[in-house]
Amino acid sequence: SNGHMERGHEEEPVARMLYEDMYFTTVDNGGFFDNGKTGCSPDGLVGNDGMVEIKSVIPTVHYPTVKRGSFDPKYKWQFFFNLRESNREWLDFVSYCSAYPEDNRLYVCRIEKRSIGKELGMIEARLSEFEGLISNISNDIKGNA
């Protein structure tokens, strides 16, 4: 834990409230999607099809995201994996910066599951590879190699 993480935890409810007001919706608890060997825990669920991931950031992180007009690429695989695991149709990336002018504190970018087929295929391939590695190690440990 550090100061940025603590600030993020404190500010996430504010960002969630602003998002709800902006989209006239309710964000429910994200819970945990358990798929046996894998799972995810999004920040919140929206209706039956959507979810949100909220990042409370400092101005030097928020500004490039707004200028880019897209989500912060360092979270790409987290977002795509959450869409895979949850089987939801879309994820709204929410960037919130309390130090920004009031009208520009919230930036939202929607990622549609139907637009990331290639990346979902990449995740499937890596999971298959990972399961193979685990199986090999398990067999080694059990003396079945």
C-alpha atoms as a PDB file:
ATOM      1  CA  SER A   1       0.000   0.000   0.000  1.00  0.00           C
ATOM      2  CA  ASN A   2       1.107   3.552  -0.664  1.00  0.00           C
ATOM      3  CA  GLY A   3      -0.359   7.034  -0.732  1.00  0.00           C
ATOM      4  CA  HIS A   4      -1.626   6.710  -4.291  1.00  0.00           C
ATOM      5  CA  MET A   5      -3.422   3.446  -3.499  1.00  0.00           C
ATOM      6  CA  GLU A   6      -4.988   4.912  -0.354  1.00  0.00           C
ATOM      7  CA  ARG A   7      -6.136   8.011  -2.264  1.00  0.00           C
ATOM      8  CA  GLY A   8      -7.594   5.740  -4.934  1.00  0.00           C
ATOM      9  CA  HIS A   9      -9.587   3.748  -2.394  1.00  0.00           C
ATOM     10  CA  GLU A  10     -10.878   6.940  -0.795  1.00  0.00           C
ATOM     11  CA  GLU A  11     -11.864   8.553  -4.105  1.00  0.00           C
ATOM     12  CA  GLU A  12     -13.385   5.539  -5.866  1.00  0.00           C
ATOM     13  CA  PRO A  13     -16.850   6.068  -4.299  1.00  0.00           C
ATOM     14  CA  VAL A  14     -16.837   9.682  -5.548  1.00  0.00           C
ATOM     15  CA  ALA A  15     -15.916   8.557  -9.068  1.00  0.00           C
ATOM     16  CA  ARG A  16     -18.621   5.884  -8.949  1.00  0.00           C
ATOM     17  CA  MET A  17     -21.231   8.457  -7.903  1.00  0.00           C
ATOM     18  CA  LEU A  18     -20.200  10.843 -10.699  1.00  0.00           C
ATOM     19  CA  TYR A  19     -20.378   7.991 -13.220  1.00  0.00           C
ATOM     20  CA  GLU A  20     -23.856   7.027 -11.994  1.00  0.00           C
ATOM     21  CA  ASP A  21     -25.002  10.645 -12.313  1.00  0.00           C
ATOM     22  CA  MET A  22     -23.472  11.016 -15.777  1.00  0.00           C
ATOM     23  CA  TYR A  23     -25.128   7.864 -17.146  1.00  0.00           C
ATOM     24  CA  PHE A  24     -28.316   7.843 -15.020  1.00  0.00           C
ATOM     25  CA  THR A  25     -27.537   4.331 -13.820  1.00  0.00           C
ATOM     26  CA  THR A  26     -26.634   2.375 -10.722  1.00  0.00           C
ATOM     27  CA  VAL A  27     -23.318   0.638 -10.262  1.00  0.00           C
ATOM     28  CA  ASP A  28     -23.669  -2.535  -8.211  1.00  0.00           C
ATOM     29  CA  ASN A  29     -20.941  -4.341  -6.312  1.00  0.00           C
ATOM     30  CA  GLY A  30     -18.607  -6.124  -8.723  1.00  0.00           C
ATOM     31  CA  GLY A  31     -18.361  -9.288  -6.661  1.00  0.00           C
ATOM     32  CA  PHE A  32     -16.209 -12.136  -7.915  1.00  0.00           C
ATOM     33  CA  PHE A  33     -16.693 -14.165 -11.092  1.00  0.00           C
ATOM     34  CA  ASP A  34     -15.403 -17.665 -10.318  1.00  0.00           C
ATOM     35  CA  ASN A  35     -14.769 -19.807 -13.378  1.00  0.00           C
ATOM     36  CA  GLY A  36     -13.090 -22.688 -11.612  1.00  0.00           C
ATOM     37  CA  LYS A  37      -9.443 -22.117 -12.426  1.00  0.00           C
ATOM     38  CA  THR A  38      -9.755 -18.414 -13.205  1.00  0.00           C
ATOM     39  CA  GLY A  39     -11.826 -15.448 -12.088  1.00  0.00           C
ATOM     40  CA  CYS A  40     -12.043 -11.690 -11.808  1.00  0.00           C
ATOM     41  CA  SER A  41     -13.437  -9.009  -9.532  1.00  0.00           C
ATOM     42  CA  PRO A  42     -14.496  -5.852 -11.390  1.00  0.00           C
ATOM     43  CA  ASP A  43     -15.031  -2.608  -9.505  1.00  0.00           C
ATOM     44  CA  GLY A  44     -18.726  -2.611 -10.340  1.00  0.00           C
ATOM     45  CA  LEU A  45     -21.514  -4.037 -12.472  1.00  0.00           C
ATOM     46  CA  VAL A  46     -23.885  -2.003 -14.620  1.00  0.00           C
ATOM     47  CA  GLY A  47     -27.170  -3.628 -15.587  1.00  0.00           C
ATOM     48  CA  ASN A  48     -26.982  -7.131 -17.046  1.00  0.00           C
ATOM     49  CA  ASP A  49     -24.345  -6.423 -19.683  1.00  0.00           C
ATOM     50  CA  GLY A  50     -21.773  -3.967 -18.359  1.00  0.00           C
ATOM     51  CA  MET A  51     -19.106  -3.349 -15.774  1.00  0.00           C
ATOM     52  CA  VAL A  52     -16.802  -0.570 -14.671  1.00  0.00           C
ATOM     53  CA  GLU A  53     -13.159  -0.361 -13.723  1.00  0.00           C
ATOM     54  CA  ILE A  54     -12.386   2.845 -11.870  1.00  0.00           C
ATOM     55  CA  LYS A  55      -8.914   4.324 -11.608  1.00  0.00           C
ATOM     56  CA  SER A  56      -8.443   7.362  -9.394  1.00  0.00           C
ATOM     57  CA  VAL A  57      -5.349   9.042 -10.734  1.00  0.00           C
ATOM     58  CA  ILE A  58      -3.138  12.102 -10.497  1.00  0.00           C
ATOM     59  CA  PRO A  59      -3.122  14.824 -13.203  1.00  0.00           C
ATOM     60  CA  THR A  60       0.009  13.510 -14.930  1.00  0.00           C
ATOM     61  CA  VAL A  61      -1.805  10.184 -15.498  1.00  0.00           C
ATOM     62  CA  HIS A  62      -5.270  11.601 -16.273  1.00  0.00           C
ATOM     63  CA  TYR A  63      -4.084  14.114 -18.876  1.00  0.00           C
ATOM     64  CA  PRO A  64      -2.526  11.571 -21.296  1.00  0.00           C
ATOM     65  CA  THR A  65      -5.621   9.374 -21.027  1.00  0.00           C
ATOM     66  CA  VAL A  66      -7.919  12.254 -21.950  1.00  0.00           C
ATOM     67  CA  LYS A  67      -5.586  13.329 -24.781  1.00  0.00           C
ATOM     68  CA  ARG A  68      -5.351   9.734 -26.068  1.00  0.00           C
ATOM     69  CA  GLY A  69      -9.139   9.461 -26.110  1.00  0.00           C
ATOM     70  CA  SER A  70      -8.922   5.879 -24.946  1.00  0.00           C
ATOM     71  CA  PHE A  71      -8.197   3.742 -21.911  1.00  0.00           C
ATOM     72  CA  ASP A  72      -4.783   3.675 -20.255  1.00  0.00           C
ATOM     73  CA  PRO A  73      -2.927   0.877 -22.103  1.00  0.00           C
ATOM     74  CA  LYS A  74      -1.250  -0.387 -18.945  1.00  0.00           C
ATOM     75  CA  TYR A  75      -4.648  -1.823 -17.921  1.00  0.00           C
ATOM     76  CA  LYS A  76      -5.464  -3.407 -21.293  1.00  0.00           C
ATOM     77  CA  TRP A  77      -5.090  -7.041 -20.250  1.00  0.00           C
ATOM     78  CA  GLN A  78      -6.900  -6.528 -16.945  1.00  0.00           C
ATOM     79  CA  PHE A  79      -9.882  -5.076 -18.814  1.00  0.00           C
ATOM     80  CA  PHE A  80      -9.903  -7.709 -21.554  1.00  0.00           C
ATOM     81  CA  PHE A  81      -9.535 -10.553 -19.054  1.00  0.00           C
ATOM     82  CA  ASN A  82     -12.412  -9.139 -16.984  1.00  0.00           C
ATOM     83  CA  LEU A  83     -14.613  -9.129 -20.084  1.00  0.00           C
ATOM     84  CA  ARG A  84     -13.665 -12.752 -20.755  1.00  0.00           C
ATOM     85  CA  GLU A  85     -14.211 -13.917 -17.200  1.00  0.00           C
ATOM     86  CA  SER A  86     -17.461 -12.064 -16.565  1.00  0.00           C
ATOM     87  CA  ASN A  87     -18.988 -12.766 -19.973  1.00  0.00           C
ATOM     88  CA  ARG A  88     -20.263  -9.189 -19.935  1.00  0.00           C
ATOM     89  CA  GLU A  89     -20.688  -7.272 -23.192  1.00  0.00           C
ATOM     90  CA  TRP A  90     -18.833  -4.091 -22.290  1.00  0.00           C
ATOM     91  CA  LEU A  91     -16.548  -2.451 -19.753  1.00  0.00           C
ATOM     92  CA  ASP A  92     -16.370   1.252 -19.007  1.00  0.00           C
ATOM     93  CA  PHE A  93     -12.906   2.403 -18.024  1.00  0.00           C
ATOM     94  CA  VAL A  94     -13.361   5.335 -15.651  1.00  0.00           C
ATOM     95  CA  SER A  95     -10.438   7.670 -15.015  1.00  0.00           C
ATOM     96  CA  TYR A  96     -11.061  10.093 -12.162  1.00  0.00           C
ATOM     97  CA  CYS A  97      -8.792  12.963 -11.131  1.00  0.00           C
ATOM     98  CA  SER A  98      -9.936  15.043  -8.153  1.00  0.00           C
ATOM     99  CA  ALA A  99      -7.256  17.666  -8.874  1.00  0.00           C
ATOM    100  CA  TYR A 100      -8.727  18.452 -12.306  1.00  0.00           C
ATOM    101  CA  PRO A 101     -11.309  21.201 -12.932  1.00  0.00           C
ATOM    102  CA  GLU A 102     -14.725  19.979 -11.816  1.00  0.00           C
ATOM    103  CA  ASP A 103     -16.151  19.532 -15.331  1.00  0.00           C
ATOM    104  CA  ASN A 104     -13.195  17.397 -16.459  1.00  0.00           C
ATOM    105  CA  ARG A 105     -12.529  15.153 -13.477  1.00  0.00           C
ATOM    106  CA  LEU A 106     -14.204  12.112 -14.997  1.00  0.00           C
ATOM    107  CA  TYR A 107     -13.203  10.466 -18.271  1.00  0.00           C
ATOM    108  CA  VAL A 108     -15.011   7.345 -19.496  1.00  0.00           C
ATOM    109  CA  CYS A 109     -14.026   5.013 -22.314  1.00  0.00           C
ATOM    110  CA  ARG A 110     -16.171   2.020 -23.272  1.00  0.00           C
ATOM    111  CA  ILE A 111     -14.575  -1.233 -24.422  1.00  0.00           C
ATOM    112  CA  GLU A 112     -16.936  -3.529 -26.312  1.00  0.00           C
ATOM    113  CA  LYS A 113     -16.255  -7.258 -25.977  1.00  0.00           C
ATOM    114  CA  ARG A 114     -17.148  -7.810 -29.635  1.00  0.00           C
ATOM    115  CA  SER A 115     -14.208  -5.559 -30.639  1.00  0.00           C
ATOM    116  CA  ILE A 116     -11.477  -7.563 -28.892  1.00  0.00           C
ATOM    117  CA  GLY A 117     -11.821 -11.016 -30.468  1.00  0.00           C
ATOM    118  CA  LYS A 118      -8.130 -11.226 -31.387  1.00  0.00           C
ATOM    119  CA  GLU A 119      -7.052 -10.401 -27.841  1.00  0.00           C
ATOM    120  CA  LEU A 120      -9.535 -12.869 -26.342  1.00  0.00           C
ATOM    121  CA  GLY A 121      -7.978 -15.533 -28.565  1.00  0.00           C
ATOM    122  CA  MET A 122      -4.554 -14.557 -27.247  1.00  0.00           C
ATOM    123  CA  ILE A 123      -5.797 -14.924 -23.670  1.00  0.00           C
ATOM    124  CA  GLU A 124      -7.208 -18.382 -24.454  1.00  0.00           C
ATOM    125  CA  ALA A 125      -3.877 -19.485 -25.937  1.00  0.00           C
ATOM    126  CA  ARG A 126      -1.921 -18.223 -22.920  1.00  0.00           C
ATOM    127  CA  LEU A 127      -4.297 -19.895 -20.477  1.00  0.00           C
ATOM    128  CA  SER A 128      -3.927 -23.181 -22.333  1.00  0.00           C
ATOM    129  CA  GLU A 129      -0.136 -22.808 -22.225  1.00  0.00           C
ATOM    130  CA  PHE A 130      -0.281 -21.966 -18.516  1.00  0.00           C
ATOM    131  CA  GLU A 131      -2.435 -25.005 -17.738  1.00  0.00           C
ATOM    132  CA  GLY A 132       0.071 -27.189 -19.585  1.00  0.00           C
ATOM    133  CA  LEU A 133       2.939 -25.777 -17.512  1.00  0.00           C
ATOM    134  CA  ILE A 134       1.029 -26.368 -14.284  1.00  0.00           C
ATOM    135  CA  SER A 135       0.232 -29.933 -15.341  1.00  0.00           C
ATOM    136  CA  ASN A 136       3.909 -30.626 -16.095  1.00  0.00           C
ATOM    137  CA  ILE A 137       5.041 -29.219 -12.754  1.00  0.00           C
ATOM    138  CA  SER A 138       2.335 -31.134 -10.901  1.00  0.00           C
ATOM    139  CA  ASN A 139       3.434 -34.363 -12.587  1.00  0.00           C
ATOM    140  CA  ASP A 140       7.063 -33.637 -11.672  1.00  0.00           C
ATOM    141  CA  ILE A 141       6.137 -33.069  -8.033  1.00  0.00           C
ATOM    142  CA  LYS A 142       4.086 -36.256  -7.920  1.00  0.00           C
ATOM    143  CA  GLY A 143       6.873 -38.214  -9.617  1.00  0.00           C
ATOM    144  CA  ASN A 144       4.816 -38.954 -12.722  1.00  0.00           C
ATOM    145  CA  ALA A 145       7.158 -37.276 -15.190  1.00  0.00           C
END
